[in-house]
PDB file of all heavy atoms in Angstrom:
ATOM      1  N   LEU A   1      87.734  75.011  81.740  1.00  0.00           N
ATOM      2  CA  LEU A   1      88.306  74.340  82.897  1.00  0.00           C
ATOM      3  C   LEU A   1      89.483  75.104  83.485  1.00  0.00           C
ATOM      4  O   LEU A   1      89.687  75.109  84.712  1.00  0.00           O
ATOM      5  CB  LEU A   1      88.744  72.922  82.520  1.00  0.00           C
ATOM      6  CG  LEU A   1      87.728  71.812  82.799  1.00  0.00           C
ATOM      7  CD1 LEU A   1      88.272  70.470  82.354  1.00  0.00           C
ATOM      8  CD2 LEU A   1      87.340  71.764  84.270  1.00  0.00           C
ATOM      9  N   ASN A   2      90.262  75.762  82.657  1.00  0.00           N
ATOM     10  CA  ASN A   2      91.391  76.552  83.146  1.00  0.00           C
ATOM     11  C   ASN A   2      90.903  77.598  84.151  1.00  0.00           C
ATOM     12  O   ASN A   2      91.451  77.753  85.245  1.00  0.00           O
ATOM     13  CB  ASN A   2      92.090  77.213  81.957  1.00  0.00           C
ATOM     14  CG  ASN A   2      93.401  77.876  82.328  1.00  0.00           C
ATOM     15  OD1 ASN A   2      93.632  79.020  81.969  1.00  0.00           O
ATOM     16  ND2 ASN A   2      94.270  77.170  83.017  1.00  0.00           N
ATOM     17  N   ASN A   3      89.834  78.289  83.800  1.00  0.00           N
ATOM     18  CA  ASN A   3      89.273  79.319  84.672  1.00  0.00           C
ATOM     19  C   ASN A   3      88.632  78.707  85.917  1.00  0.00           C
ATOM     20  O   ASN A   3      88.749  79.240  87.021  1.00  0.00           O
ATOM     21  CB  ASN A   3      88.208  80.127  83.919  1.00  0.00           C
ATOM     22  CG  ASN A   3      88.733  80.708  82.614  1.00  0.00           C
ATOM     23  OD1 ASN A   3      89.111  79.967  81.713  1.00  0.00           O
ATOM     24  ND2 ASN A   3      88.745  82.018  82.497  1.00  0.00           N
ATOM     25  N   ILE A   4      87.922  77.581  85.728  1.00  0.00           N
ATOM     26  CA  ILE A   4      87.228  76.943  86.847  1.00  0.00           C
ATOM     27  C   ILE A   4      88.217  76.427  87.885  1.00  0.00           C
ATOM     28  O   ILE A   4      88.016  76.587  89.097  1.00  0.00           O
ATOM     29  CB  ILE A   4      86.329  75.809  86.316  1.00  0.00           C
ATOM     30  CG1 ILE A   4      85.155  76.396  85.534  1.00  0.00           C
ATOM     31  CG2 ILE A   4      85.818  74.935  87.461  1.00  0.00           C
ATOM     32  CD1 ILE A   4      84.371  75.377  84.741  1.00  0.00           C
ATOM     33  N   LEU A   5      89.314  75.819  87.432  1.00  0.00           N
ATOM     34  CA  LEU A   5      90.326  75.333  88.368  1.00  0.00           C
ATOM     35  C   LEU A   5      90.933  76.483  89.164  1.00  0.00           C
ATOM     36  O   LEU A   5      91.203  76.353  90.368  1.00  0.00           O
ATOM     37  CB  LEU A   5      91.409  74.564  87.615  1.00  0.00           C
ATOM     38  CG  LEU A   5      90.992  73.210  87.032  1.00  0.00           C
ATOM     39  CD1 LEU A   5      92.115  72.632  86.166  1.00  0.00           C
ATOM     40  CD2 LEU A   5      90.627  72.231  88.141  1.00  0.00           C
ATOM     41  N   ALA A   6      91.140  77.614  88.496  1.00  0.00           N
ATOM     42  CA  ALA A   6      91.665  78.795  89.188  1.00  0.00           C
ATOM     43  C   ALA A   6      90.666  79.296  90.227  1.00  0.00           C
ATOM     44  O   ALA A   6      91.034  79.642  91.356  1.00  0.00           O
ATOM     45  CB  ALA A   6      91.988  79.891  88.183  1.00  0.00           C
ATOM     46  N   LYS A   7      89.386  79.335  89.853  1.00  0.00           N
ATOM     47  CA  LYS A   7      88.346  79.791  90.778  1.00  0.00           C
ATOM     48  C   LYS A   7      88.257  78.865  91.986  1.00  0.00           C
ATOM     49  O   LYS A   7      88.137  79.325  93.131  1.00  0.00           O
ATOM     50  CB  LYS A   7      86.997  79.829  90.044  1.00  0.00           C
ATOM     51  CG  LYS A   7      85.904  80.572  90.781  1.00  0.00           C
ATOM     52  CD  LYS A   7      86.144  82.069  90.749  1.00  0.00           C
ATOM     53  CE  LYS A   7      84.949  82.861  91.228  1.00  0.00           C
ATOM     54  NZ  LYS A   7      85.197  84.313  91.223  1.00  0.00           N
ATOM     55  N   MET A   8      88.319  77.568  91.747  1.00  0.00           N
ATOM     56  CA  MET A   8      88.263  76.612  92.849  1.00  0.00           C
ATOM     57  C   MET A   8      89.427  76.811  93.813  1.00  0.00           C
ATOM     58  O   MET A   8      89.253  76.793  95.035  1.00  0.00           O
ATOM     59  CB  MET A   8      88.269  75.179  92.299  1.00  0.00           C
ATOM     60  CG  MET A   8      86.983  74.763  91.607  1.00  0.00           C
ATOM     61  SD  MET A   8      87.122  73.150  90.804  1.00  0.00           S
ATOM     62  CE  MET A   8      87.457  72.092  92.205  1.00  0.00           C
ATOM     63  N   GLU A   9      90.606  77.027  93.266  1.00  0.00           N
ATOM     64  CA  GLU A   9      91.782  77.231  94.119  1.00  0.00           C
ATOM     65  C   GLU A   9      91.630  78.504  94.952  1.00  0.00           C
ATOM     66  O   GLU A   9      92.009  78.538  96.121  1.00  0.00           O
ATOM     67  CB  GLU A   9      93.052  77.305  93.268  1.00  0.00           C
ATOM     68  CG  GLU A   9      94.312  77.375  94.107  1.00  0.00           C
ATOM     69  CD  GLU A   9      95.591  77.333  93.283  1.00  0.00           C
ATOM     70  OE1 GLU A   9      95.554  76.836  92.143  1.00  0.00           O
ATOM     71  OE2 GLU A   9      96.628  77.803  93.799  1.00  0.00           O
ATOM     72  N   SER A  10      91.053  79.537  94.353  1.00  0.00           N
ATOM     73  CA  SER A  10      90.866  80.781  95.099  1.00  0.00           C
ATOM     74  C   SER A  10      89.913  80.569  96.275  1.00  0.00           C
ATOM     75  O   SER A  10      90.135  81.096  97.368  1.00  0.00           O
ATOM     76  CB  SER A  10      90.353  81.899  94.181  1.00  0.00           C
ATOM     77  OG  SER A  10      88.987  81.724  93.839  1.00  0.00           O
ATOM     78  N   TYR A  11      88.854  79.786  96.079  1.00  0.00           N
ATOM     79  CA  TYR A  11      87.922  79.506  97.164  1.00  0.00           C
ATOM     80  C   TYR A  11      88.598  78.695  98.270  1.00  0.00           C
ATOM     81  O   TYR A  11      88.399  78.947  99.460  1.00  0.00           O
ATOM     82  CB  TYR A  11      86.700  78.745  96.644  1.00  0.00           C
ATOM     83  CG  TYR A  11      85.754  79.577  95.809  1.00  0.00           C
ATOM     84  CD1 TYR A  11      84.951  78.988  94.843  1.00  0.00           C
ATOM     85  CD2 TYR A  11      85.667  80.962  95.973  1.00  0.00           C
ATOM     86  CE1 TYR A  11      84.068  79.750  94.075  1.00  0.00           C
ATOM     87  CE2 TYR A  11      84.799  81.731  95.214  1.00  0.00           C
ATOM     88  CZ  TYR A  11      84.006  81.118  94.263  1.00  0.00           C
ATOM     89  OH  TYR A  11      83.143  81.871  93.508  1.00  0.00           O
ATOM     90  N   HIS A  12      89.398  77.701  97.868  1.00  0.00           N
ATOM     91  CA  HIS A  12      90.103  76.888  98.858  1.00  0.00           C
ATOM     92  C   HIS A  12      91.053  77.746  99.696  1.00  0.00           C
ATOM     93  O   HIS A  12      91.295  77.449 100.874  1.00  0.00           O
ATOM     94  CB  HIS A  12      90.886  75.773  98.171  1.00  0.00           C
ATOM     95  CG  HIS A  12      90.029  74.706  97.552  1.00  0.00           C
ATOM     96  ND1 HIS A  12      88.884  74.239  98.146  1.00  0.00           N
ATOM     97  CD2 HIS A  12      90.154  74.003  96.389  1.00  0.00           C
ATOM     98  CE1 HIS A  12      88.332  73.304  97.392  1.00  0.00           C
ATOM     99  NE2 HIS A  12      89.075  73.150  96.312  1.00  0.00           N
ATOM    100  N   LYS A  13      91.570  78.806  99.096  1.00  0.00           N
ATOM    101  CA  LYS A  13      92.504  79.697  99.803  1.00  0.00           C
ATOM    102  C   LYS A  13      91.798  80.861 100.486  1.00  0.00           C
ATOM    103  O   LYS A  13      92.455  81.742 101.050  1.00  0.00           O
ATOM    104  CB  LYS A  13      93.541  80.232  98.812  1.00  0.00           C
ATOM    105  CG  LYS A  13      94.513  79.175  98.306  1.00  0.00           C
ATOM    106  CD  LYS A  13      95.515  79.793  97.334  1.00  0.00           C
ATOM    107  CE  LYS A  13      96.579  78.782  96.921  1.00  0.00           C
ATOM    108  NZ  LYS A  13      97.541  79.361  95.936  1.00  0.00           N
ATOM    109  N   GLY A  14      90.453  80.894 100.404  1.00  0.00           N
ATOM    110  CA  GLY A  14      89.708  81.926 101.091  1.00  0.00           C
ATOM    111  C   GLY A  14      89.580  83.235 100.342  1.00  0.00           C
ATOM    112  O   GLY A  14      89.263  84.278 100.942  1.00  0.00           O
ATOM    113  N   GLY A  15      89.783  83.225  99.033  1.00  0.00           N
ATOM    114  CA  GLY A  15      89.701  84.456  98.246  1.00  0.00           C
ATOM    115  C   GLY A  15      88.363  84.619  97.541  1.00  0.00           C
ATOM    116  O   GLY A  15      87.647  83.646  97.310  1.00  0.00           O
ATOM    117  N   ASP A  16      88.039  85.868  97.221  1.00  0.00           N
ATOM    118  CA  ASP A  16      86.842  86.150  96.426  1.00  0.00           C
ATOM    119  C   ASP A  16      87.098  85.921  94.945  1.00  0.00           C
ATOM    120  O   ASP A  16      86.177  85.609  94.191  1.00  0.00           O
ATOM    121  CB  ASP A  16      86.409  87.612  96.608  1.00  0.00           C
ATOM    122  CG  ASP A  16      86.088  87.938  98.052  1.00  0.00           C
ATOM    123  OD1 ASP A  16      85.285  87.204  98.645  1.00  0.00           O
ATOM    124  OD2 ASP A  16      86.643  88.923  98.574  1.00  0.00           O
ATOM    125  N   GLU A  17      88.335  86.095  94.529  1.00  0.00           N
ATOM    126  CA  GLU A  17      88.678  85.965  93.116  1.00  0.00           C
ATOM    127  C   GLU A  17      90.103  85.450  92.983  1.00  0.00           C
ATOM    128  O   GLU A  17      90.944  85.637  93.878  1.00  0.00           O
ATOM    129  CB  GLU A  17      88.521  87.321  92.404  1.00  0.00           C
ATOM    130  CG  GLU A  17      88.907  87.363  90.931  1.00  0.00           C
ATOM    131  CD  GLU A  17      88.174  86.345  90.056  1.00  0.00           C
ATOM    132  OE1 GLU A  17      88.287  85.133  90.319  1.00  0.00           O
ATOM    133  OE2 GLU A  17      87.523  86.775  89.085  1.00  0.00           O
ATOM    134  N   ALA A  18      90.350  84.783  91.847  1.00  0.00           N
ATOM    135  CA  ALA A  18      91.682  84.269  91.540  1.00  0.00           C
ATOM    136  C   ALA A  18      92.427  85.257  90.654  1.00  0.00           C
ATOM    137  O   ALA A  18      91.826  85.930  89.821  1.00  0.00           O
ATOM    138  CB  ALA A  18      91.563  82.923  90.824  1.00  0.00           C
ATOM    139  N   ILE A  19      93.729  85.331  90.853  1.00  0.00           N
ATOM    140  CA  ILE A  19      94.599  86.079  89.949  1.00  0.00           C
ATOM    141  C   ILE A  19      95.517  85.072  89.275  1.00  0.00           C
ATOM    142  O   ILE A  19      96.261  84.351  89.946  1.00  0.00           O
ATOM    143  CB  ILE A  19      95.410  87.152  90.691  1.00  0.00           C
ATOM    144  CG1 ILE A  19      94.465  88.212  91.274  1.00  0.00           C
ATOM    145  CG2 ILE A  19      96.434  87.789  89.770  1.00  0.00           C
ATOM    146  CD1 ILE A  19      95.160  89.297  92.063  1.00  0.00           C
ATOM    147  N   ILE A  20      95.438  85.024  87.954  1.00  0.00           N
ATOM    148  CA  ILE A  20      96.136  83.995  87.180  1.00  0.00           C
ATOM    149  C   ILE A  20      97.328  84.608  86.444  1.00  0.00           C
ATOM    150  O   ILE A  20      97.221  85.691  85.856  1.00  0.00           O
ATOM    151  CB  ILE A  20      95.177  83.357  86.154  1.00  0.00           C
ATOM    152  CG1 ILE A  20      93.884  82.892  86.830  1.00  0.00           C
ATOM    153  CG2 ILE A  20      95.853  82.189  85.443  1.00  0.00           C
ATOM    154  CD1 ILE A  20      92.805  82.440  85.848  1.00  0.00           C
ATOM    155  N   PHE A  21      98.438  83.898  86.468  1.00  0.00           N
ATOM    156  CA  PHE A  21      99.623  84.272  85.691  1.00  0.00           C
ATOM    157  C   PHE A  21      99.764  83.308  84.518  1.00  0.00           C
ATOM    158  O   PHE A  21      99.185  82.220  84.520  1.00  0.00           O
ATOM    159  CB  PHE A  21     100.874  84.221  86.569  1.00  0.00           C
ATOM    160  CG  PHE A  21     100.975  85.356  87.540  1.00  0.00           C
ATOM    161  CD1 PHE A  21     100.195  85.365  88.698  1.00  0.00           C
ATOM    162  CD2 PHE A  21     101.819  86.426  87.303  1.00  0.00           C
ATOM    163  CE1 PHE A  21     100.265  86.413  89.593  1.00  0.00           C
ATOM    164  CE2 PHE A  21     101.897  87.486  88.199  1.00  0.00           C
ATOM    165  CZ  PHE A  21     101.118  87.481  89.344  1.00  0.00           C
ATOM    166  N   ASP A  22     100.532  83.711  83.506  1.00  0.00           N
ATOM    167  CA  ASP A  22     100.748  82.807  82.378  1.00  0.00           C
ATOM    168  C   ASP A  22     102.003  81.975  82.606  1.00  0.00           C
ATOM    169  O   ASP A  22     102.662  82.067  83.648  1.00  0.00           O
ATOM    170  CB  ASP A  22     100.790  83.576  81.050  1.00  0.00           C
ATOM    171  CG  ASP A  22     101.996  84.492  80.908  1.00  0.00           C
ATOM    172  OD1 ASP A  22     102.963  84.379  81.704  1.00  0.00           O
ATOM    173  OD2 ASP A  22     101.989  85.329  79.991  1.00  0.00           O
ATOM    174  N   THR A  23     102.351  81.141  81.641  1.00  0.00           N
ATOM    175  CA  THR A  23     103.475  80.223  81.805  1.00  0.00           C
ATOM    176  C   THR A  23     104.818  80.926  81.763  1.00  0.00           C
ATOM    177  O   THR A  23     105.847  80.321  82.065  1.00  0.00           O
ATOM    178  CB  THR A  23     103.438  79.137  80.707  1.00  0.00           C
ATOM    179  OG1 THR A  23     103.382  79.763  79.420  1.00  0.00           O
ATOM    180  CG2 THR A  23     102.209  78.245  80.881  1.00  0.00           C
ATOM    181  N   ASN A  24     104.834  82.223  81.408  1.00  0.00           N
ATOM    182  CA  ASN A  24     106.066  83.009  81.420  1.00  0.00           C
ATOM    183  C   ASN A  24     106.205  83.850  82.682  1.00  0.00           C
ATOM    184  O   ASN A  24     107.163  84.603  82.827  1.00  0.00           O
ATOM    185  CB  ASN A  24     106.112  83.933  80.196  1.00  0.00           C
ATOM    186  CG  ASN A  24     106.192  83.170  78.895  1.00  0.00           C
ATOM    187  OD1 ASN A  24     107.042  82.296  78.733  1.00  0.00           O
ATOM    188  ND2 ASN A  24     105.306  83.480  77.958  1.00  0.00           N
ATOM    189  N   GLY A  25     105.228  83.731  83.592  1.00  0.00           N
ATOM    190  CA  GLY A  25     105.289  84.491  84.833  1.00  0.00           C
ATOM    191  C   GLY A  25     104.696  85.876  84.749  1.00  0.00           C
ATOM    192  O   GLY A  25     104.849  86.678  85.681  1.00  0.00           O
ATOM    193  N   TYR A  26     103.995  86.182  83.640  1.00  0.00           N
ATOM    194  CA  TYR A  26     103.348  87.482  83.501  1.00  0.00           C
ATOM    195  C   TYR A  26     101.909  87.423  84.001  1.00  0.00           C
ATOM    196  O   TYR A  26     101.228  86.404  83.866  1.00  0.00           O
ATOM    197  CB  TYR A  26     103.342  87.931  82.038  1.00  0.00           C
ATOM    198  CG  TYR A  26     104.704  88.196  81.458  1.00  0.00           C
ATOM    199  CD1 TYR A  26     105.086  87.592  80.247  1.00  0.00           C
ATOM    200  CD2 TYR A  26     105.609  89.040  82.083  1.00  0.00           C
ATOM    201  CE1 TYR A  26     106.343  87.824  79.698  1.00  0.00           C
ATOM    202  CE2 TYR A  26     106.859  89.273  81.539  1.00  0.00           C
ATOM    203  CZ  TYR A  26     107.229  88.667  80.348  1.00  0.00           C
ATOM    204  OH  TYR A  26     108.464  88.900  79.799  1.00  0.00           O
ATOM    205  N   LEU A  27     101.446  88.531  84.553  1.00  0.00           N
ATOM    206  CA  LEU A  27     100.063  88.644  84.990  1.00  0.00           C
ATOM    207  C   LEU A  27      99.136  88.453  83.798  1.00  0.00           C
ATOM    208  O   LEU A  27      99.335  89.055  82.741  1.00  0.00           O
ATOM    209  CB  LEU A  27      99.845  90.022  85.627  1.00  0.00           C
ATOM    210  CG  LEU A  27      98.447  90.338  86.149  1.00  0.00           C
ATOM    211  CD1 LEU A  27      98.064  89.377  87.265  1.00  0.00           C
ATOM    212  CD2 LEU A  27      98.385  91.779  86.640  1.00  0.00           C
ATOM    213  N   SER A  28      98.111  87.620  83.964  1.00  0.00           N
ATOM    214  CA  SER A  28      97.167  87.350  82.878  1.00  0.00           C
ATOM    215  C   SER A  28      95.823  88.014  83.160  1.00  0.00           C
ATOM    216  O   SER A  28      95.506  89.062  82.630  1.00  0.00           O
ATOM    217  CB  SER A  28      97.004  85.843  82.676  1.00  0.00           C
ATOM    218  OG  SER A  28      95.984  85.558  81.739  1.00  0.00           O
ATOM    219  N   GLU A  29      95.022  87.399  84.031  1.00  0.00           N
ATOM    220  CA  GLU A  29      93.675  87.907  84.312  1.00  0.00           C
ATOM    221  C   GLU A  29      93.110  87.199  85.526  1.00  0.00           C
ATOM    222  O   GLU A  29      93.763  86.351  86.137  1.00  0.00           O
ATOM    223  CB  GLU A  29      92.764  87.691  83.105  1.00  0.00           C
ATOM    224  CG  GLU A  29      92.626  86.249  82.673  1.00  0.00           C
ATOM    225  CD  GLU A  29      91.830  86.086  81.381  1.00  0.00           C
ATOM    226  OE1 GLU A  29      91.101  87.014  81.003  1.00  0.00           O
ATOM    227  OE2 GLU A  29      91.929  85.013  80.768  1.00  0.00           O
ATOM    228  N   GLY A  30      91.869  87.547  85.893  1.00  0.00           N
ATOM    229  CA  GLY A  30      91.162  86.812  86.920  1.00  0.00           C
ATOM    230  C   GLY A  30      90.471  85.610  86.307  1.00  0.00           C
ATOM    231  O   GLY A  30      90.621  85.326  85.115  1.00  0.00           O
ATOM    232  N   SER A  31      89.677  84.911  87.103  1.00  0.00           N
ATOM    233  CA  SER A  31      88.991  83.733  86.583  1.00  0.00           C
ATOM    234  C   SER A  31      87.900  84.118  85.591  1.00  0.00           C
ATOM    235  O   SER A  31      87.501  83.304  84.763  1.00  0.00           O
ATOM    236  CB  SER A  31      88.384  82.915  87.728  1.00  0.00           C
ATOM    237  OG  SER A  31      87.358  83.643  88.373  1.00  0.00           O
TER     238      SER A  31
END
């Protein structure tokens, strides 16, 4: 679900892919 929610948000914002950060503000990964 963590990945799916990120993917959904990327679509709502018009993106092909989501870029996810962690809770410390560091770059994590895509969906």
